[in-house]
Amino acid sequence: GIRDLRMSRGLGDVYKRQEYGLLDEPTNHLDISCIDGLADAINKYEGGLVLVSHDFRLIEKVANEIWEVEDNQVRVFKGTIREYKEMLKNHVKAEEVKFRAQQKRLLEGK
Protein backbone atom coordinates (compact mmCIF):
# COMPACT_ATOMS: atom_id res chain seq x y z
CA GLY A 1 0.00 0.00 0.00
CA ILE A 2 1.19 3.44 1.03
CA ARG A 3 4.41 2.10 2.54
CA ASP A 4 5.23 0.29 -0.74
CA LEU A 5 4.60 3.48 -2.70
CA ARG A 6 6.87 5.47 -0.38
CA MET A 7 9.59 2.83 -0.70
CA SER A 8 9.31 2.82 -4.48
CA ARG A 9 9.45 6.61 -4.65
CA GLY A 10 12.24 6.74 -2.09
CA LEU A 11 14.46 4.32 -3.99
CA GLY A 12 13.78 6.27 -7.18
CA ASP A 13 14.76 9.54 -5.48
CA VAL A 14 17.94 8.07 -4.03
CA TYR A 15 19.08 6.65 -7.34
CA LYS A 16 17.57 9.27 -9.66
CA ARG A 17 20.95 10.58 -10.81
CA GLN A 18 23.00 7.46 -10.17
CA GLU A 19 24.10 5.11 -12.93
CA TYR A 20 25.00 2.28 -10.54
CA GLY A 21 23.76 1.16 -7.18
CA LEU A 22 24.55 -1.43 -4.51
CA LEU A 23 21.94 -2.99 -2.24
CA ASP A 24 23.31 -5.20 0.56
CA GLU A 25 20.65 -7.42 2.14
CA PRO A 26 17.88 -4.85 1.59
CA THR A 27 15.06 -7.16 2.69
CA ASN A 28 16.18 -7.53 6.30
CA HIS A 29 13.19 -6.67 8.49
CA LEU A 30 10.80 -6.21 5.51
CA ASP A 31 7.48 -7.99 5.20
CA ILE A 32 6.33 -9.60 1.95
CA SER A 33 4.44 -6.57 0.64
CA CYS A 34 7.48 -4.36 1.23
CA ILE A 35 9.72 -6.87 -0.54
CA ASP A 36 7.31 -6.79 -3.50
CA GLY A 37 7.40 -2.98 -3.46
CA LEU A 38 11.19 -3.04 -3.38
CA ALA A 39 11.22 -5.48 -6.31
CA ASP A 40 8.97 -3.14 -8.30
CA ALA A 41 11.26 -0.20 -7.56
CA ILE A 42 14.36 -2.18 -8.54
CA ASN A 43 12.74 -3.29 -11.79
CA LYS A 44 11.91 0.33 -12.65
CA TYR A 45 15.45 1.50 -11.91
CA GLU A 46 17.25 2.27 -15.16
CA GLY A 47 20.83 2.10 -13.93
CA GLY A 48 23.01 -0.87 -13.08
CA LEU A 49 22.45 -2.51 -9.72
CA VAL A 50 24.38 -5.06 -7.68
CA LEU A 51 22.13 -6.84 -5.22
CA VAL A 52 23.58 -8.86 -2.35
CA SER A 53 20.78 -10.97 -0.94
CA HIS A 54 19.77 -14.37 0.38
CA ASP A 55 16.10 -13.54 -0.20
CA PHE A 56 14.93 -16.00 -2.86
CA ARG A 57 11.70 -14.08 -3.42
CA LEU A 58 13.50 -10.83 -4.25
CA ILE A 59 16.21 -12.49 -6.34
CA GLU A 60 13.58 -14.34 -8.35
CA LYS A 61 11.74 -11.11 -9.09
CA VAL A 62 14.69 -8.92 -10.12
CA ALA A 63 17.85 -10.85 -11.07
CA ASN A 64 18.78 -11.69 -14.64
CA GLU A 65 22.20 -13.10 -13.76
CA ILE A 66 23.78 -14.55 -10.65
CA TRP A 67 27.33 -13.74 -9.53
CA GLU A 68 28.92 -16.49 -7.51
CA VAL A 69 31.99 -15.48 -5.50
CA GLU A 70 34.23 -18.33 -4.43
CA ASP A 71 37.99 -18.81 -4.06
CA ASN A 72 38.65 -15.16 -4.91
CA GLN A 73 36.90 -15.54 -8.25
CA VAL A 74 33.59 -14.27 -9.59
CA ARG A 75 31.65 -16.56 -11.89
CA VAL A 76 28.64 -15.20 -13.74
CA PHE A 77 25.62 -17.43 -14.27
CA LYS A 78 23.22 -16.11 -16.89
CA GLY A 79 19.77 -17.27 -15.94
CA THR A 80 17.23 -17.34 -13.17
CA ILE A 81 17.79 -18.22 -9.53
CA ARG A 82 15.75 -21.40 -10.07
CA GLU A 83 18.04 -22.45 -12.93
CA TYR A 84 21.06 -21.65 -10.77
CA LYS A 85 19.74 -23.77 -7.90
CA GLU A 86 19.07 -26.64 -10.30
CA MET A 87 22.62 -26.38 -11.66
CA LEU A 88 24.01 -26.48 -8.11
CA LYS A 89 21.86 -29.49 -7.26
CA ASN A 90 23.13 -31.34 -10.33
CA HIS A 91 26.72 -30.41 -9.46
CA VAL A 92 26.33 -31.79 -5.93
CA LYS A 93 24.82 -35.03 -7.27
CA ALA A 94 27.72 -35.46 -9.71
CA GLU A 95 30.23 -34.87 -6.91
CA GLU A 96 28.46 -37.48 -4.76
CA VAL A 97 28.66 -40.03 -7.59
CA LYS A 98 32.40 -39.35 -8.00
CA PHE A 99 32.93 -39.63 -4.24
CA ARG A 100 31.07 -42.96 -4.00
CA ALA A 101 33.04 -44.35 -6.94
CA GLN A 102 36.29 -43.28 -5.28
CA GLN A 103 35.26 -44.87 -1.99
CA LYS A 104 34.34 -48.09 -3.78
CA ARG A 105 37.72 -48.20 -5.53
CA LEU A 106 39.51 -47.64 -2.22
CA LEU A 107 37.56 -50.41 -0.49
CA GLU A 108 38.13 -52.85 -3.33
CA GLY A 109 41.85 -52.08 -3.29
CA LYS A 110 42.22 -53.30 0.29
C-alpha atoms as a PDB file:
ATOM      1  CA  GLY A   1       0.000   0.000   0.000  1.00  0.00           C
ATOM      2  CA  ILE A   2       1.191   3.444   1.027  1.00  0.00           C
ATOM      3  CA  ARG A   3       4.412   2.103   2.544  1.00  0.00           C
ATOM      4  CA  ASP A   4       5.235   0.292  -0.745  1.00  0.00           C
ATOM      5  CA  LEU A   5       4.604   3.484  -2.700  1.00  0.00           C
ATOM      6  CA  ARG A   6       6.868   5.472  -0.382  1.00  0.00           C
ATOM      7  CA  MET A   7       9.591   2.829  -0.700  1.00  0.00           C
ATOM      8  CA  SER A   8       9.311   2.823  -4.481  1.00  0.00           C
ATOM      9  CA  ARG A   9       9.446   6.614  -4.647  1.00  0.00           C
ATOM     10  CA  GLY A  10      12.237   6.736  -2.086  1.00  0.00           C
ATOM     11  CA  LEU A  11      14.455   4.322  -3.993  1.00  0.00           C
ATOM     12  CA  GLY A  12      13.776   6.271  -7.175  1.00  0.00           C
ATOM     13  CA  ASP A  13      14.758   9.542  -5.482  1.00  0.00           C
ATOM     14  CA  VAL A  14      17.941   8.069  -4.029  1.00  0.00           C
ATOM     15  CA  TYR A  15      19.078   6.653  -7.344  1.00  0.00           C
ATOM     16  CA  LYS A  16      17.569   9.269  -9.661  1.00  0.00           C
ATOM     17  CA  ARG A  17      20.949  10.580 -10.814  1.00  0.00           C
ATOM     18  CA  GLN A  18      23.004   7.459 -10.174  1.00  0.00           C
ATOM     19  CA  GLU A  19      24.104   5.112 -12.931  1.00  0.00           C
ATOM     20  CA  TYR A  20      25.002   2.281 -10.544  1.00  0.00           C
ATOM     21  CA  GLY A  21      23.764   1.157  -7.181  1.00  0.00           C
ATOM     22  CA  LEU A  22      24.547  -1.430  -4.508  1.00  0.00           C
ATOM     23  CA  LEU A  23      21.945  -2.986  -2.237  1.00  0.00           C
ATOM     24  CA  ASP A  24      23.307  -5.196   0.555  1.00  0.00           C
ATOM     25  CA  GLU A  25      20.647  -7.425   2.137  1.00  0.00           C
ATOM     26  CA  PRO A  26      17.885  -4.848   1.588  1.00  0.00           C
ATOM     27  CA  THR A  27      15.061  -7.158   2.687  1.00  0.00           C
ATOM     28  CA  ASN A  28      16.183  -7.527   6.300  1.00  0.00           C
ATOM     29  CA  HIS A  29      13.185  -6.672   8.490  1.00  0.00           C
ATOM     30  CA  LEU A  30      10.799  -6.215   5.515  1.00  0.00           C
ATOM     31  CA  ASP A  31       7.477  -7.985   5.203  1.00  0.00           C
ATOM     32  CA  ILE A  32       6.332  -9.599   1.946  1.00  0.00           C
ATOM     33  CA  SER A  33       4.442  -6.574   0.644  1.00  0.00           C
ATOM     34  CA  CYS A  34       7.482  -4.359   1.232  1.00  0.00           C
ATOM     35  CA  ILE A  35       9.715  -6.874  -0.542  1.00  0.00           C
ATOM     36  CA  ASP A  36       7.311  -6.787  -3.495  1.00  0.00           C
ATOM     37  CA  GLY A  37       7.403  -2.981  -3.464  1.00  0.00           C
ATOM     38  CA  LEU A  38      11.192  -3.038  -3.381  1.00  0.00           C
ATOM     39  CA  ALA A  39      11.222  -5.484  -6.314  1.00  0.00           C
ATOM     40  CA  ASP A  40       8.973  -3.137  -8.305  1.00  0.00           C
ATOM     41  CA  ALA A  41      11.256  -0.200  -7.564  1.00  0.00           C
ATOM     42  CA  ILE A  42      14.355  -2.184  -8.543  1.00  0.00           C
ATOM     43  CA  ASN A  43      12.737  -3.290 -11.792  1.00  0.00           C
ATOM     44  CA  LYS A  44      11.914   0.335 -12.645  1.00  0.00           C
ATOM     45  CA  TYR A  45      15.450   1.503 -11.905  1.00  0.00           C
ATOM     46  CA  GLU A  46      17.246   2.267 -15.161  1.00  0.00           C
ATOM     47  CA  GLY A  47      20.832   2.101 -13.926  1.00  0.00           C
ATOM     48  CA  GLY A  48      23.007  -0.868 -13.081  1.00  0.00           C
ATOM     49  CA  LEU A  49      22.453  -2.513  -9.722  1.00  0.00           C
ATOM     50  CA  VAL A  50      24.379  -5.061  -7.678  1.00  0.00           C
ATOM     51  CA  LEU A  51      22.127  -6.842  -5.215  1.00  0.00           C
ATOM     52  CA  VAL A  52      23.582  -8.865  -2.349  1.00  0.00           C
ATOM     53  CA  SER A  53      20.784 -10.970  -0.941  1.00  0.00           C
ATOM     54  CA  HIS A  54      19.774 -14.365   0.384  1.00  0.00           C
ATOM     55  CA  ASP A  55      16.100 -13.545  -0.201  1.00  0.00           C
ATOM     56  CA  PHE A  56      14.932 -16.004  -2.855  1.00  0.00           C
ATOM     57  CA  ARG A  57      11.697 -14.077  -3.417  1.00  0.00           C
ATOM     58  CA  LEU A  58      13.501 -10.834  -4.248  1.00  0.00           C
ATOM     59  CA  ILE A  59      16.212 -12.486  -6.336  1.00  0.00           C
ATOM     60  CA  GLU A  60      13.584 -14.340  -8.351  1.00  0.00           C
ATOM     61  CA  LYS A  61      11.739 -11.113  -9.093  1.00  0.00           C
ATOM     62  CA  VAL A  62      14.690  -8.923 -10.116  1.00  0.00           C
ATOM     63  CA  ALA A  63      17.845 -10.847 -11.070  1.00  0.00           C
ATOM     64  CA  ASN A  64      18.779 -11.687 -14.638  1.00  0.00           C
ATOM     65  CA  GLU A  65      22.201 -13.101 -13.760  1.00  0.00           C
ATOM     66  CA  ILE A  66      23.778 -14.551 -10.650  1.00  0.00           C
ATOM     67  CA  TRP A  67      27.326 -13.743  -9.535  1.00  0.00           C
ATOM     68  CA  GLU A  68      28.919 -16.493  -7.507  1.00  0.00           C
ATOM     69  CA  VAL A  69      31.995 -15.482  -5.504  1.00  0.00           C
ATOM     70  CA  GLU A  70      34.231 -18.334  -4.431  1.00  0.00           C
ATOM     71  CA  ASP A  71      37.986 -18.814  -4.055  1.00  0.00           C
ATOM     72  CA  ASN A  72      38.655 -15.158  -4.908  1.00  0.00           C
ATOM     73  CA  GLN A  73      36.899 -15.539  -8.246  1.00  0.00           C
ATOM     74  CA  VAL A  74      33.593 -14.274  -9.587  1.00  0.00           C
ATOM     75  CA  ARG A  75      31.646 -16.562 -11.887  1.00  0.00           C
ATOM     76  CA  VAL A  76      28.635 -15.205 -13.740  1.00  0.00           C
ATOM     77  CA  PHE A  77      25.617 -17.432 -14.267  1.00  0.00           C
ATOM     78  CA  LYS A  78      23.220 -16.105 -16.892  1.00  0.00           C
ATOM     79  CA  GLY A  79      19.771 -17.274 -15.944  1.00  0.00           C
ATOM     80  CA  THR A  80      17.231 -17.336 -13.172  1.00  0.00           C
ATOM     81  CA  ILE A  81      17.788 -18.223  -9.533  1.00  0.00           C
ATOM     82  CA  ARG A  82      15.745 -21.398 -10.071  1.00  0.00           C
ATOM     83  CA  GLU A  83      18.040 -22.449 -12.927  1.00  0.00           C
ATOM     84  CA  TYR A  84      21.060 -21.654 -10.766  1.00  0.00           C
ATOM     85  CA  LYS A  85      19.743 -23.773  -7.897  1.00  0.00           C
ATOM     86  CA  GLU A  86      19.068 -26.643 -10.300  1.00  0.00           C
ATOM     87  CA  MET A  87      22.621 -26.376 -11.660  1.00  0.00           C
ATOM     88  CA  LEU A  88      24.006 -26.476  -8.108  1.00  0.00           C
ATOM     89  CA  LYS A  89      21.856 -29.487  -7.255  1.00  0.00           C
ATOM     90  CA  ASN A  90      23.129 -31.340 -10.333  1.00  0.00           C
ATOM     91  CA  HIS A  91      26.723 -30.414  -9.461  1.00  0.00           C
ATOM     92  CA  VAL A  92      26.329 -31.792  -5.926  1.00  0.00           C
ATOM     93  CA  LYS A  93      24.822 -35.026  -7.274  1.00  0.00           C
ATOM     94  CA  ALA A  94      27.717 -35.456  -9.714  1.00  0.00           C
ATOM     95  CA  GLU A  95      30.232 -34.866  -6.911  1.00  0.00           C
ATOM     96  CA  GLU A  96      28.459 -37.476  -4.761  1.00  0.00           C
ATOM     97  CA  VAL A  97      28.660 -40.031  -7.588  1.00  0.00           C
ATOM     98  CA  LYS A  98      32.399 -39.350  -7.996  1.00  0.00           C
ATOM     99  CA  PHE A  99      32.933 -39.627  -4.239  1.00  0.00           C
ATOM    100  CA  ARG A 100      31.073 -42.959  -3.997  1.00  0.00           C
ATOM    101  CA  ALA A 101      33.038 -44.352  -6.941  1.00  0.00           C
ATOM    102  CA  GLN A 102      36.293 -43.275  -5.284  1.00  0.00           C
ATOM    103  CA  GLN A 103      35.259 -44.869  -1.985  1.00  0.00           C
ATOM    104  CA  LYS A 104      34.340 -48.091  -3.782  1.00  0.00           C
ATOM    105  CA  ARG A 105      37.721 -48.199  -5.532  1.00  0.00           C
ATOM    106  CA  LEU A 106      39.510 -47.636  -2.220  1.00  0.00           C
ATOM    107  CA  LEU A 107      37.560 -50.413  -0.485  1.00  0.00           C
ATOM    108  CA  GLU A 108      38.131 -52.853  -3.332  1.00  0.00           C
ATOM    109  CA  GLY A 109      41.853 -52.077  -3.287  1.00  0.00           C
ATOM    110  CA  LYS A 110      42.221 -53.305   0.293  1.00  0.00           C
END
